[in-house]
Amino acid sequence: MKCSIISIGTELNLGLILNKNSKYIAEKVTDLGIECRYMFTVGDNEAEISSILKQSLSCSDLVIISGGLGPTDDDVTRNAVATALDLRA
């Protein structure tokens, strides 16, 4: 089984926050016998999140998304995932 990890947050791309979640998740999936093939970090951009998710789904059996979801109106992750999966948000 192959896995991709997608970390979402402009603060990650700007280096404002260290991306510890991807490391932790990769360690845990490896312990489960799942090969972590790809790690992506994408900013809070709906089109980019959707594009990376589509790419991940094409090359992985499992996709784990970390970050990007919040209680604010400016969060675009839900819409990006819906677009990538051709669903209504």
N, C-alpha and C. Protein backbone atom coordinates (compact mmCIF):
# COMPACT_ATOMS: atom_id res chain seq x y z
N MET A 1 0.84 -1.17 0.00
CA MET A 1 0.00 0.00 0.00
C MET A 1 0.89 1.24 0.00
N LYS A 2 0.53 2.22 -0.83
CA LYS A 2 1.29 3.47 -0.95
C LYS A 2 0.46 4.63 -0.40
N CYS A 3 1.15 5.56 0.24
CA CYS A 3 0.49 6.69 0.90
C CYS A 3 1.09 8.01 0.45
N SER A 4 0.24 9.03 0.35
CA SER A 4 0.68 10.41 0.17
C SER A 4 0.17 11.22 1.35
N ILE A 5 0.98 12.16 1.78
CA ILE A 5 0.59 13.07 2.86
C ILE A 5 0.56 14.48 2.30
N ILE A 6 -0.56 15.16 2.50
CA ILE A 6 -0.69 16.55 2.06
C ILE A 6 -0.84 17.43 3.29
N SER A 7 0.09 18.36 3.45
CA SER A 7 0.01 19.35 4.53
C SER A 7 -0.44 20.67 3.92
N ILE A 8 -1.45 21.26 4.52
CA ILE A 8 -2.03 22.50 3.97
C ILE A 8 -1.81 23.65 4.95
N GLY A 9 -1.32 24.75 4.40
CA GLY A 9 -1.16 25.96 5.20
C GLY A 9 -0.08 26.86 4.63
N THR A 10 -0.45 28.05 4.27
CA THR A 10 0.52 29.02 3.75
C THR A 10 1.63 29.26 4.76
N GLU A 11 1.31 29.20 6.06
CA GLU A 11 2.31 29.41 7.09
C GLU A 11 3.42 28.37 7.03
N LEU A 12 3.11 27.17 6.52
CA LEU A 12 4.13 26.13 6.34
C LEU A 12 5.07 26.50 5.20
N ASN A 13 4.51 26.93 4.09
CA ASN A 13 5.32 27.31 2.93
C ASN A 13 6.18 28.53 3.20
N LEU A 14 5.72 29.41 4.07
CA LEU A 14 6.49 30.61 4.40
C LEU A 14 7.55 30.35 5.46
N GLY A 15 7.55 29.14 6.02
CA GLY A 15 8.52 28.80 7.05
C GLY A 15 8.19 29.36 8.41
N LEU A 16 6.95 29.79 8.60
CA LEU A 16 6.55 30.35 9.88
C LEU A 16 6.30 29.28 10.93
N ILE A 17 5.97 28.08 10.47
CA ILE A 17 5.70 26.95 11.35
C ILE A 17 6.43 25.73 10.80
N LEU A 18 7.07 24.98 11.66
CA LEU A 18 7.75 23.75 11.27
C LEU A 18 6.71 22.66 11.06
N ASN A 19 6.80 21.95 9.95
CA ASN A 19 5.84 20.91 9.62
C ASN A 19 6.18 19.60 10.33
N LYS A 20 5.79 19.49 11.57
CA LYS A 20 6.05 18.28 12.35
C LYS A 20 5.01 17.20 12.07
N ASN A 21 3.83 17.60 11.60
CA ASN A 21 2.76 16.63 11.38
C ASN A 21 3.13 15.60 10.32
N SER A 22 3.74 16.03 9.22
CA SER A 22 4.09 15.09 8.15
C SER A 22 5.08 14.04 8.64
N LYS A 23 6.07 14.47 9.40
CA LYS A 23 7.05 13.53 9.95
C LYS A 23 6.35 12.51 10.85
N TYR A 24 5.50 12.99 11.73
CA TYR A 24 4.80 12.10 12.66
C TYR A 24 3.91 11.11 11.90
N ILE A 25 3.14 11.62 10.95
CA ILE A 25 2.24 10.76 10.18
C ILE A 25 3.02 9.72 9.39
N ALA A 26 4.12 10.14 8.75
CA ALA A 26 4.95 9.21 7.98
C ALA A 26 5.49 8.09 8.86
N GLU A 27 5.93 8.44 10.05
CA GLU A 27 6.43 7.42 10.98
C GLU A 27 5.33 6.42 11.33
N LYS A 28 4.14 6.93 11.60
CA LYS A 28 3.03 6.05 12.01
C LYS A 28 2.56 5.14 10.87
N VAL A 29 2.45 5.68 9.66
CA VAL A 29 2.00 4.82 8.56
C VAL A 29 3.07 3.78 8.22
N THR A 30 4.34 4.17 8.36
CA THR A 30 5.43 3.21 8.13
C THR A 30 5.35 2.08 9.14
N ASP A 31 5.07 2.42 10.40
CA ASP A 31 4.91 1.39 11.44
C ASP A 31 3.78 0.42 11.10
N LEU A 32 2.80 0.88 10.34
CA LEU A 32 1.67 0.04 9.94
C LEU A 32 1.96 -0.75 8.66
N GLY A 33 3.16 -0.59 8.12
CA GLY A 33 3.53 -1.32 6.92
C GLY A 33 3.10 -0.62 5.63
N ILE A 34 2.75 0.65 5.73
CA ILE A 34 2.33 1.43 4.56
C ILE A 34 3.51 2.26 4.10
N GLU A 35 3.79 2.24 2.81
CA GLU A 35 4.91 2.99 2.26
C GLU A 35 4.49 4.43 1.97
N CYS A 36 5.15 5.38 2.64
CA CYS A 36 4.88 6.79 2.38
C CYS A 36 5.72 7.20 1.18
N ARG A 37 5.06 7.38 0.04
CA ARG A 37 5.78 7.69 -1.19
C ARG A 37 5.97 9.18 -1.41
N TYR A 38 4.99 9.98 -1.01
CA TYR A 38 5.04 11.41 -1.32
C TYR A 38 4.55 12.24 -0.13
N MET A 39 5.18 13.41 0.02
CA MET A 39 4.72 14.42 0.97
C MET A 39 4.63 15.74 0.20
N PHE A 40 3.49 16.37 0.30
CA PHE A 40 3.27 17.65 -0.36
C PHE A 40 2.92 18.68 0.70
N THR A 41 3.41 19.89 0.50
CA THR A 41 3.01 21.02 1.32
C THR A 41 2.46 22.08 0.38
N VAL A 42 1.23 22.48 0.63
CA VAL A 42 0.55 23.42 -0.26
C VAL A 42 -0.06 24.54 0.58
N GLY A 43 -0.03 25.75 0.03
CA GLY A 43 -0.61 26.89 0.72
C GLY A 43 -2.12 26.85 0.69
N ASP A 44 -2.73 27.84 1.30
CA ASP A 44 -4.19 27.93 1.38
C ASP A 44 -4.75 28.49 0.07
N ASN A 45 -4.65 27.68 -0.97
CA ASN A 45 -5.11 28.06 -2.29
C ASN A 45 -5.99 26.92 -2.82
N GLU A 46 -7.26 27.21 -3.06
CA GLU A 46 -8.21 26.16 -3.42
C GLU A 46 -7.80 25.36 -4.65
N ALA A 47 -7.39 26.04 -5.70
CA ALA A 47 -7.01 25.35 -6.93
C ALA A 47 -5.78 24.46 -6.73
N GLU A 48 -4.81 24.96 -5.97
CA GLU A 48 -3.59 24.17 -5.73
C GLU A 48 -3.87 22.95 -4.85
N ILE A 49 -4.70 23.13 -3.83
CA ILE A 49 -5.05 21.99 -2.97
C ILE A 49 -5.76 20.93 -3.79
N SER A 50 -6.71 21.34 -4.60
CA SER A 50 -7.46 20.40 -5.43
C SER A 50 -6.54 19.67 -6.41
N SER A 51 -5.62 20.39 -7.01
CA SER A 51 -4.69 19.79 -7.97
C SER A 51 -3.78 18.76 -7.31
N ILE A 52 -3.22 19.11 -6.15
CA ILE A 52 -2.34 18.18 -5.43
C ILE A 52 -3.12 16.95 -4.96
N LEU A 53 -4.35 17.15 -4.53
CA LEU A 53 -5.16 16.01 -4.10
C LEU A 53 -5.43 15.07 -5.26
N LYS A 54 -5.79 15.61 -6.42
CA LYS A 54 -6.02 14.77 -7.60
C LYS A 54 -4.75 13.99 -7.96
N GLN A 55 -3.62 14.67 -7.93
CA GLN A 55 -2.34 14.01 -8.23
C GLN A 55 -2.07 12.89 -7.22
N SER A 56 -2.31 13.16 -5.96
CA SER A 56 -2.07 12.17 -4.91
C SER A 56 -2.98 10.96 -5.07
N LEU A 57 -4.23 11.20 -5.41
CA LEU A 57 -5.17 10.09 -5.59
C LEU A 57 -4.78 9.21 -6.77
N SER A 58 -4.10 9.77 -7.75
CA SER A 58 -3.72 8.99 -8.92
C SER A 58 -2.51 8.08 -8.66
N CYS A 59 -1.75 8.36 -7.60
CA CYS A 59 -0.53 7.57 -7.39
C CYS A 59 -0.47 6.91 -6.02
N SER A 60 -1.52 7.02 -5.23
CA SER A 60 -1.51 6.47 -3.87
C SER A 60 -2.81 5.74 -3.56
N ASP A 61 -2.67 4.74 -2.68
CA ASP A 61 -3.85 4.02 -2.20
C ASP A 61 -4.50 4.74 -1.03
N LEU A 62 -3.71 5.56 -0.35
CA LEU A 62 -4.17 6.27 0.84
C LEU A 62 -3.64 7.70 0.78
N VAL A 63 -4.51 8.67 1.03
CA VAL A 63 -4.10 10.07 1.08
C VAL A 63 -4.53 10.63 2.43
N ILE A 64 -3.57 11.22 3.14
CA ILE A 64 -3.83 11.82 4.44
C ILE A 64 -3.61 13.33 4.30
N ILE A 65 -4.61 14.11 4.72
CA ILE A 65 -4.52 15.56 4.66
C ILE A 65 -4.42 16.09 6.08
N SER A 66 -3.46 16.99 6.29
CA SER A 66 -3.25 17.59 7.60
C SER A 66 -3.32 19.10 7.45
N GLY A 67 -4.04 19.74 8.36
CA GLY A 67 -4.13 21.19 8.35
C GLY A 67 -5.15 21.70 7.36
N GLY A 68 -5.24 23.01 7.30
CA GLY A 68 -6.14 23.63 6.34
C GLY A 68 -7.58 23.76 6.77
N LEU A 69 -8.01 22.96 7.71
CA LEU A 69 -9.40 23.04 8.14
C LEU A 69 -9.52 23.90 9.38
N GLY A 70 -10.39 24.87 9.30
CA GLY A 70 -10.58 25.75 10.44
C GLY A 70 -11.99 26.30 10.47
N PRO A 71 -12.32 26.99 11.53
CA PRO A 71 -13.68 27.51 11.70
C PRO A 71 -13.93 28.84 10.99
N THR A 72 -12.95 29.33 10.26
CA THR A 72 -13.10 30.65 9.64
C THR A 72 -13.64 30.56 8.22
N ASP A 73 -14.24 31.64 7.77
CA ASP A 73 -14.83 31.68 6.44
C ASP A 73 -13.79 31.62 5.32
N ASP A 74 -12.54 31.95 5.62
CA ASP A 74 -11.51 31.96 4.58
C ASP A 74 -10.90 30.58 4.33
N ASP A 75 -11.32 29.57 5.06
CA ASP A 75 -10.79 28.22 4.84
C ASP A 75 -11.34 27.67 3.53
N VAL A 76 -10.44 27.21 2.66
CA VAL A 76 -10.83 26.73 1.33
C VAL A 76 -10.68 25.22 1.17
N THR A 77 -10.22 24.54 2.20
CA THR A 77 -9.93 23.11 2.07
C THR A 77 -11.15 22.29 1.72
N ARG A 78 -12.26 22.54 2.38
CA ARG A 78 -13.48 21.76 2.12
C ARG A 78 -13.89 21.87 0.65
N ASN A 79 -13.91 23.09 0.12
CA ASN A 79 -14.27 23.28 -1.29
C ASN A 79 -13.26 22.63 -2.22
N ALA A 80 -11.98 22.71 -1.87
CA ALA A 80 -10.94 22.11 -2.71
C ALA A 80 -11.08 20.59 -2.78
N VAL A 81 -11.36 19.97 -1.65
CA VAL A 81 -11.55 18.52 -1.63
C VAL A 81 -12.80 18.13 -2.42
N ALA A 82 -13.87 18.88 -2.24
CA ALA A 82 -15.09 18.61 -3.00
C ALA A 82 -14.84 18.72 -4.50
N THR A 83 -14.10 19.73 -4.91
CA THR A 83 -13.77 19.89 -6.33
C THR A 83 -12.95 18.71 -6.85
N ALA A 84 -11.94 18.33 -6.09
CA ALA A 84 -11.08 17.22 -6.51
C ALA A 84 -11.85 15.92 -6.64
N LEU A 85 -12.85 15.73 -5.79
CA LEU A 85 -13.64 14.50 -5.79
C LEU A 85 -14.92 14.62 -6.63
N ASP A 86 -15.09 15.77 -7.27
CA ASP A 86 -16.25 16.05 -8.09
C ASP A 86 -17.54 15.91 -7.29
N LEU A 87 -17.51 16.51 -6.10
CA LEU A 87 -18.67 16.53 -5.20
C LEU A 87 -19.07 17.97 -4.94
N ARG A 88 -20.27 18.14 -4.41
CA ARG A 88 -20.73 19.46 -4.03
C ARG A 88 -20.32 19.74 -2.58
N ALA A 89 -19.76 20.92 -2.32
CA ALA A 89 -19.30 21.26 -0.96
C ALA A 89 -20.47 21.62 -0.06
